[in-house]
């Protein structure tokens, strides 16, 4: 909790600037809420900075928003490219719904088709970043991402979490391999 609180304090000015820019560009809510599946299959409302125009409806389950999708705002493109749209996930960590490191939470419709093996990813709290994200994120097939999540559950340790955090910071700083989930 102390680490989460420190990160929240350190990123508060950045979140404030992003919130102002979101409001200036398109009005509407600054925070986007979406139902996701967490530990033990329990649903929760994941928080993100809004990156699409107000009132945008999802195209479909698991649809990846393309680079040229007209629903994504200008500031939204930048927030997604830098993964700063995920900063409100820290509130989910503070609430105990998420962890800093763990499998990224998915939407309920995606979970319905999981095998018992794939459901193992729900044995831990979902994370802001995870093993699959530092292995290539959007550049690897969905099934492989799930398998990497299960591998994380089986091998998780403080050492692995620190390695994932180190890689995440490097990827965020260099802009490599970051694309919204």
C-alpha atoms as a PDB file:
ATOM      1  CA  UNK A   1       0.000   0.000   0.000  1.00  0.00           C
ATOM      2  CA  UNK A   2       2.846   2.378   0.778  1.00  0.00           C
ATOM      3  CA  UNK A   3       4.318   1.948  -2.707  1.00  0.00           C
ATOM      4  CA  UNK A   4       0.903   2.491  -4.295  1.00  0.00           C
ATOM      5  CA  UNK A   5       0.333   5.637  -2.232  1.00  0.00           C
ATOM      6  CA  UNK A   6       3.765   6.985  -3.195  1.00  0.00           C
ATOM      7  CA  UNK A   7       3.154   6.328  -6.899  1.00  0.00           C
ATOM      8  CA  UNK A   8      -0.289   7.954  -6.647  1.00  0.00           C
ATOM      9  CA  UNK A   9       1.217  11.080  -5.083  1.00  0.00           C
ATOM     10  CA  UNK A  10       4.042  11.218  -7.634  1.00  0.00           C
ATOM     11  CA  UNK A  11       1.703  10.813 -10.603  1.00  0.00           C
ATOM     12  CA  UNK A  12      -1.049  13.139  -9.310  1.00  0.00           C
ATOM     13  CA  UNK A  13       0.260  16.203 -11.204  1.00  0.00           C
ATOM     14  CA  UNK A  14       0.422  14.208 -14.442  1.00  0.00           C
ATOM     15  CA  UNK A  15      -3.109  12.887 -13.873  1.00  0.00           C
ATOM     16  CA  UNK A  16      -4.335  16.428 -13.208  1.00  0.00           C
ATOM     17  CA  UNK A  17      -2.833  17.713 -16.473  1.00  0.00           C
ATOM     18  CA  UNK A  18      -4.273  14.752 -18.397  1.00  0.00           C
ATOM     19  CA  UNK A  19      -7.699  15.347 -16.820  1.00  0.00           C
ATOM     20  CA  UNK A  20      -7.658  19.014 -17.833  1.00  0.00           C
ATOM     21  CA  UNK A  21      -6.649  18.140 -21.403  1.00  0.00           C
ATOM     22  CA  UNK A  22      -9.372  15.481 -21.650  1.00  0.00           C
ATOM     23  CA  UNK A  23     -12.003  17.986 -20.482  1.00  0.00           C
ATOM     24  CA  UNK A  24     -10.755  20.713 -22.837  1.00  0.00           C
ATOM     25  CA  UNK A  25     -10.639  18.411 -25.842  1.00  0.00           C
ATOM     26  CA  UNK A  26     -14.011  16.751 -25.566  1.00  0.00           C
ATOM     27  CA  UNK A  27     -15.800  17.359 -22.318  1.00  0.00           C
ATOM     28  CA  UNK A  28     -17.478  14.445 -20.643  1.00  0.00           C
ATOM     29  CA  UNK A  29     -16.135  12.298 -17.879  1.00  0.00           C
ATOM     30  CA  UNK A  30     -12.386  12.105 -17.354  1.00  0.00           C
ATOM     31  CA  UNK A  31     -12.594   8.572 -15.951  1.00  0.00           C
ATOM     32  CA  UNK A  32     -13.732   5.575 -17.983  1.00  0.00           C
ATOM     33  CA  UNK A  33     -15.155   2.630 -16.041  1.00  0.00           C
ATOM     34  CA  UNK A  34     -15.372  -0.883 -17.402  1.00  0.00           C
ATOM     35  CA  UNK A  35     -16.389  -4.146 -15.764  1.00  0.00           C
ATOM     36  CA  UNK A  36     -13.442  -6.540 -15.599  1.00  0.00           C
ATOM     37  CA  UNK A  37     -12.846  -9.938 -14.021  1.00  0.00           C
ATOM     38  CA  UNK A  38     -10.469 -10.100 -11.073  1.00  0.00           C
ATOM     39  CA  UNK A  39      -9.205 -12.573  -8.520  1.00  0.00           C
ATOM     40  CA  UNK A  40     -11.377 -15.670  -8.056  1.00  0.00           C
ATOM     41  CA  UNK A  41     -13.512 -14.518 -11.004  1.00  0.00           C
ATOM     42  CA  UNK A  42     -15.029 -11.594  -9.084  1.00  0.00           C
ATOM     43  CA  UNK A  43     -16.077  -8.644 -11.216  1.00  0.00           C
ATOM     44  CA  UNK A  44     -15.003  -5.075 -10.451  1.00  0.00           C
ATOM     45  CA  UNK A  45     -15.057  -1.681 -12.137  1.00  0.00           C
ATOM     46  CA  UNK A  46     -11.624  -0.954 -13.611  1.00  0.00           C
ATOM     47  CA  UNK A  47     -10.780   2.726 -13.911  1.00  0.00           C
ATOM     48  CA  UNK A  48      -8.879   4.339 -16.790  1.00  0.00           C
ATOM     49  CA  UNK A  49      -8.495   7.815 -18.215  1.00  0.00           C
ATOM     50  CA  UNK A  50     -11.030   8.281 -21.013  1.00  0.00           C
ATOM     51  CA  UNK A  51      -9.334   8.151 -24.418  1.00  0.00           C
ATOM     52  CA  UNK A  52     -12.376   8.037 -26.702  1.00  0.00           C
ATOM     53  CA  UNK A  53     -15.016  10.630 -27.506  1.00  0.00           C
ATOM     54  CA  UNK A  54     -17.885  10.685 -24.984  1.00  0.00           C
ATOM     55  CA  UNK A  55     -20.624   8.184 -25.792  1.00  0.00           C
ATOM     56  CA  UNK A  56     -18.417   5.850 -27.838  1.00  0.00           C
ATOM     57  CA  UNK A  57     -19.791   2.356 -27.756  1.00  0.00           C
ATOM     58  CA  UNK A  58     -17.504  -0.655 -27.890  1.00  0.00           C
ATOM     59  CA  UNK A  59     -17.312  -2.165 -31.373  1.00  0.00           C
ATOM     60  CA  UNK A  60     -17.388  -5.699 -30.014  1.00  0.00           C
ATOM     61  CA  UNK A  61     -15.991  -8.062 -27.436  1.00  0.00           C
ATOM     62  CA  UNK A  62     -12.222  -8.135 -27.555  1.00  0.00           C
ATOM     63  CA  UNK A  63     -12.064  -5.690 -30.454  1.00  0.00           C
ATOM     64  CA  UNK A  64      -8.759  -3.892 -30.569  1.00  0.00           C
ATOM     65  CA  UNK A  65      -9.109  -0.193 -31.257  1.00  0.00           C
ATOM     66  CA  UNK A  66      -7.042   0.609 -34.337  1.00  0.00           C
ATOM     67  CA  UNK A  67      -4.497   3.389 -34.606  1.00  0.00           C
ATOM     68  CA  UNK A  68      -6.773   5.415 -36.905  1.00  0.00           C
ATOM     69  CA  UNK A  69     -10.048   4.797 -35.042  1.00  0.00           C
ATOM     70  CA  UNK A  70     -11.899   8.142 -35.225  1.00  0.00           C
ATOM     71  CA  UNK A  71     -13.404   7.589 -31.765  1.00  0.00           C
ATOM     72  CA  UNK A  72      -9.969   7.983 -30.128  1.00  0.00           C
ATOM     73  CA  UNK A  73      -9.244  11.599 -29.230  1.00  0.00           C
ATOM     74  CA  UNK A  74      -5.939  13.362 -29.870  1.00  0.00           C
ATOM     75  CA  UNK A  75      -4.979  13.346 -26.196  1.00  0.00           C
ATOM     76  CA  UNK A  76      -6.340   9.792 -26.042  1.00  0.00           C
ATOM     77  CA  UNK A  77      -3.836   8.618 -28.666  1.00  0.00           C
ATOM     78  CA  UNK A  78      -0.988  10.035 -26.622  1.00  0.00           C
ATOM     79  CA  UNK A  79      -2.338   8.569 -23.376  1.00  0.00           C
ATOM     80  CA  UNK A  80      -2.664   5.137 -25.004  1.00  0.00           C
ATOM     81  CA  UNK A  81       0.752   5.293 -26.677  1.00  0.00           C
ATOM     82  CA  UNK A  82       2.396   6.079 -23.323  1.00  0.00           C
ATOM     83  CA  UNK A  83       0.014   3.817 -21.328  1.00  0.00           C
ATOM     84  CA  UNK A  84      -0.732   6.788 -19.060  1.00  0.00           C
ATOM     85  CA  UNK A  85      -4.439   6.047 -19.512  1.00  0.00           C
ATOM     86  CA  UNK A  86      -3.816   3.229 -17.018  1.00  0.00           C
ATOM     87  CA  UNK A  87      -2.855   5.569 -14.135  1.00  0.00           C
ATOM     88  CA  UNK A  88      -6.329   5.365 -12.507  1.00  0.00           C
ATOM     89  CA  UNK A  89      -5.661   1.617 -12.123  1.00  0.00           C
ATOM     90  CA  UNK A  90      -3.692   2.747  -9.055  1.00  0.00           C
ATOM     91  CA  UNK A  91      -7.043   3.480  -7.400  1.00  0.00           C
ATOM     92  CA  UNK A  92      -8.045  -0.130  -8.133  1.00  0.00           C
ATOM     93  CA  UNK A  93      -4.784  -1.251  -6.498  1.00  0.00           C
ATOM     94  CA  UNK A  94      -5.502   0.954  -3.469  1.00  0.00           C
ATOM     95  CA  UNK A  95      -8.973  -0.628  -3.169  1.00  0.00           C
ATOM     96  CA  UNK A  96      -7.455  -4.123  -3.274  1.00  0.00           C
ATOM     97  CA  UNK A  97      -9.079  -5.031  -6.605  1.00  0.00           C
ATOM     98  CA  UNK A  98      -5.786  -5.078  -8.494  1.00  0.00           C
ATOM     99  CA  UNK A  99      -2.050  -5.372  -7.865  1.00  0.00           C
ATOM    100  CA  UNK A 100       0.870  -3.566  -9.467  1.00  0.00           C
ATOM    101  CA  UNK A 101       1.912  -6.848 -11.126  1.00  0.00           C
ATOM    102  CA  UNK A 102      -0.354  -9.654 -12.315  1.00  0.00           C
ATOM    103  CA  UNK A 103      -2.336 -10.759 -15.352  1.00  0.00           C
ATOM    104  CA  UNK A 104      -4.200  -7.862 -16.989  1.00  0.00           C
ATOM    105  CA  UNK A 105      -7.916  -8.075 -16.133  1.00  0.00           C
ATOM    106  CA  UNK A 106     -10.214  -9.087 -18.971  1.00  0.00           C
ATOM    107  CA  UNK A 107     -13.857  -8.368 -19.697  1.00  0.00           C
ATOM    108  CA  UNK A 108     -16.463 -10.946 -18.593  1.00  0.00           C
ATOM    109  CA  UNK A 109     -17.362 -12.005 -22.152  1.00  0.00           C
ATOM    110  CA  UNK A 110     -13.769 -13.122 -22.786  1.00  0.00           C
ATOM    111  CA  UNK A 111     -13.633 -15.216 -19.618  1.00  0.00           C
ATOM    112  CA  UNK A 112     -16.735 -17.263 -20.438  1.00  0.00           C
ATOM    113  CA  UNK A 113     -14.824 -19.373 -22.965  1.00  0.00           C
ATOM    114  CA  UNK A 114     -11.774 -20.047 -20.772  1.00  0.00           C
ATOM    115  CA  UNK A 115     -10.678 -23.601 -20.100  1.00  0.00           C
ATOM    116  CA  UNK A 116     -10.050 -24.622 -16.463  1.00  0.00           C
ATOM    117  CA  UNK A 117      -6.317 -24.192 -17.159  1.00  0.00           C
ATOM    118  CA  UNK A 118      -6.853 -20.628 -18.424  1.00  0.00           C
ATOM    119  CA  UNK A 119      -8.973 -19.790 -15.364  1.00  0.00           C
ATOM    120  CA  UNK A 120      -5.804 -20.230 -13.285  1.00  0.00           C
ATOM    121  CA  UNK A 121      -4.934 -16.641 -14.200  1.00  0.00           C
ATOM    122  CA  UNK A 122      -7.676 -15.641 -11.729  1.00  0.00           C
ATOM    123  CA  UNK A 123      -5.857 -17.219  -8.777  1.00  0.00           C
ATOM    124  CA  UNK A 124      -4.095 -13.883  -8.240  1.00  0.00           C
ATOM    125  CA  UNK A 125      -5.169 -10.251  -8.347  1.00  0.00           C
ATOM    126  CA  UNK A 126      -4.978  -8.766 -11.830  1.00  0.00           C
ATOM    127  CA  UNK A 127      -2.205  -6.253 -12.368  1.00  0.00           C
ATOM    128  CA  UNK A 128      -1.472  -2.937 -14.004  1.00  0.00           C
ATOM    129  CA  UNK A 129       1.396  -4.695 -15.744  1.00  0.00           C
ATOM    130  CA  UNK A 130       2.241  -8.336 -16.126  1.00  0.00           C
ATOM    131  CA  UNK A 131       4.438 -11.018 -17.616  1.00  0.00           C
ATOM    132  CA  UNK A 132       2.544 -11.007 -20.937  1.00  0.00           C
ATOM    133  CA  UNK A 133       2.821  -7.217 -21.230  1.00  0.00           C
ATOM    134  CA  UNK A 134       6.612  -7.224 -20.981  1.00  0.00           C
ATOM    135  CA  UNK A 135       6.880 -10.132 -23.436  1.00  0.00           C
ATOM    136  CA  UNK A 136       5.338  -8.279 -26.350  1.00  0.00           C
ATOM    137  CA  UNK A 137       1.839  -7.291 -25.247  1.00  0.00           C
ATOM    138  CA  UNK A 138      -0.274  -6.560 -28.324  1.00  0.00           C
ATOM    139  CA  UNK A 139       2.335  -8.164 -30.574  1.00  0.00           C
ATOM    140  CA  UNK A 140       1.543 -11.687 -29.386  1.00  0.00           C
ATOM    141  CA  UNK A 141      -1.628 -13.719 -29.956  1.00  0.00           C
ATOM    142  CA  UNK A 142      -4.339 -13.656 -27.279  1.00  0.00           C
ATOM    143  CA  UNK A 143      -3.995 -17.375 -26.473  1.00  0.00           C
ATOM    144  CA  UNK A 144      -0.260 -16.928 -25.891  1.00  0.00           C
ATOM    145  CA  UNK A 145      -0.904 -13.959 -23.587  1.00  0.00           C
ATOM    146  CA  UNK A 146      -3.243 -16.087 -21.481  1.00  0.00           C
ATOM    147  CA  UNK A 147      -0.623 -18.847 -21.344  1.00  0.00           C
ATOM    148  CA  UNK A 148       1.992 -16.301 -20.191  1.00  0.00           C
ATOM    149  CA  UNK A 149      -0.449 -15.190 -17.473  1.00  0.00           C
ATOM    150  CA  UNK A 150      -0.819 -18.779 -16.250  1.00  0.00           C
ATOM    151  CA  UNK A 151       2.975 -19.143 -16.351  1.00  0.00           C
ATOM    152  CA  UNK A 152       3.216 -16.038 -14.159  1.00  0.00           C
ATOM    153  CA  UNK A 153       0.768 -17.539 -11.645  1.00  0.00           C
ATOM    154  CA  UNK A 154       2.854 -20.714 -11.483  1.00  0.00           C
ATOM    155  CA  UNK A 155       6.228 -18.949 -11.158  1.00  0.00           C
ATOM    156  CA  UNK A 156       5.360 -15.741  -9.336  1.00  0.00           C
ATOM    157  CA  UNK A 157       7.844 -14.417  -6.840  1.00  0.00           C
ATOM    158  CA  UNK A 158       9.123 -11.095  -5.572  1.00  0.00           C
ATOM    159  CA  UNK A 159      12.101 -11.449  -7.912  1.00  0.00           C
ATOM    160  CA  UNK A 160       9.823 -11.975 -10.936  1.00  0.00           C
ATOM    161  CA  UNK A 161       7.574  -9.053  -9.917  1.00  0.00           C
ATOM    162  CA  UNK A 162      10.604  -6.756  -9.624  1.00  0.00           C
ATOM    163  CA  UNK A 163      11.841  -7.901 -13.049  1.00  0.00           C
ATOM    164  CA  UNK A 164       8.411  -7.209 -14.578  1.00  0.00           C
ATOM    165  CA  UNK A 165       8.334  -3.742 -12.974  1.00  0.00           C
ATOM    166  CA  UNK A 166      11.877  -3.031 -14.230  1.00  0.00           C
ATOM    167  CA  UNK A 167      10.942  -4.061 -17.777  1.00  0.00           C
ATOM    168  CA  UNK A 168       7.704  -2.064 -17.613  1.00  0.00           C
ATOM    169  CA  UNK A 169       9.559   1.111 -16.622  1.00  0.00           C
ATOM    170  CA  UNK A 170      12.056   0.536 -19.445  1.00  0.00           C
ATOM    171  CA  UNK A 171       9.303  -0.064 -22.021  1.00  0.00           C
ATOM    172  CA  UNK A 172       7.370   2.996 -20.855  1.00  0.00           C
ATOM    173  CA  UNK A 173      10.509   5.172 -20.905  1.00  0.00           C
ATOM    174  CA  UNK A 174      11.512   4.028 -24.394  1.00  0.00           C
ATOM    175  CA  UNK A 175       7.985   3.709 -25.809  1.00  0.00           C
ATOM    176  CA  UNK A 176       8.683   0.171 -27.000  1.00  0.00           C
ATOM    177  CA  UNK A 177       5.997  -2.476 -27.083  1.00  0.00           C
ATOM    178  CA  UNK A 178       3.332  -0.381 -25.398  1.00  0.00           C
ATOM    179  CA  UNK A 179      -0.151  -0.529 -26.829  1.00  0.00           C
ATOM    180  CA  UNK A 180      -3.493  -0.573 -25.025  1.00  0.00           C
ATOM    181  CA  UNK A 181      -5.012  -3.896 -23.992  1.00  0.00           C
END
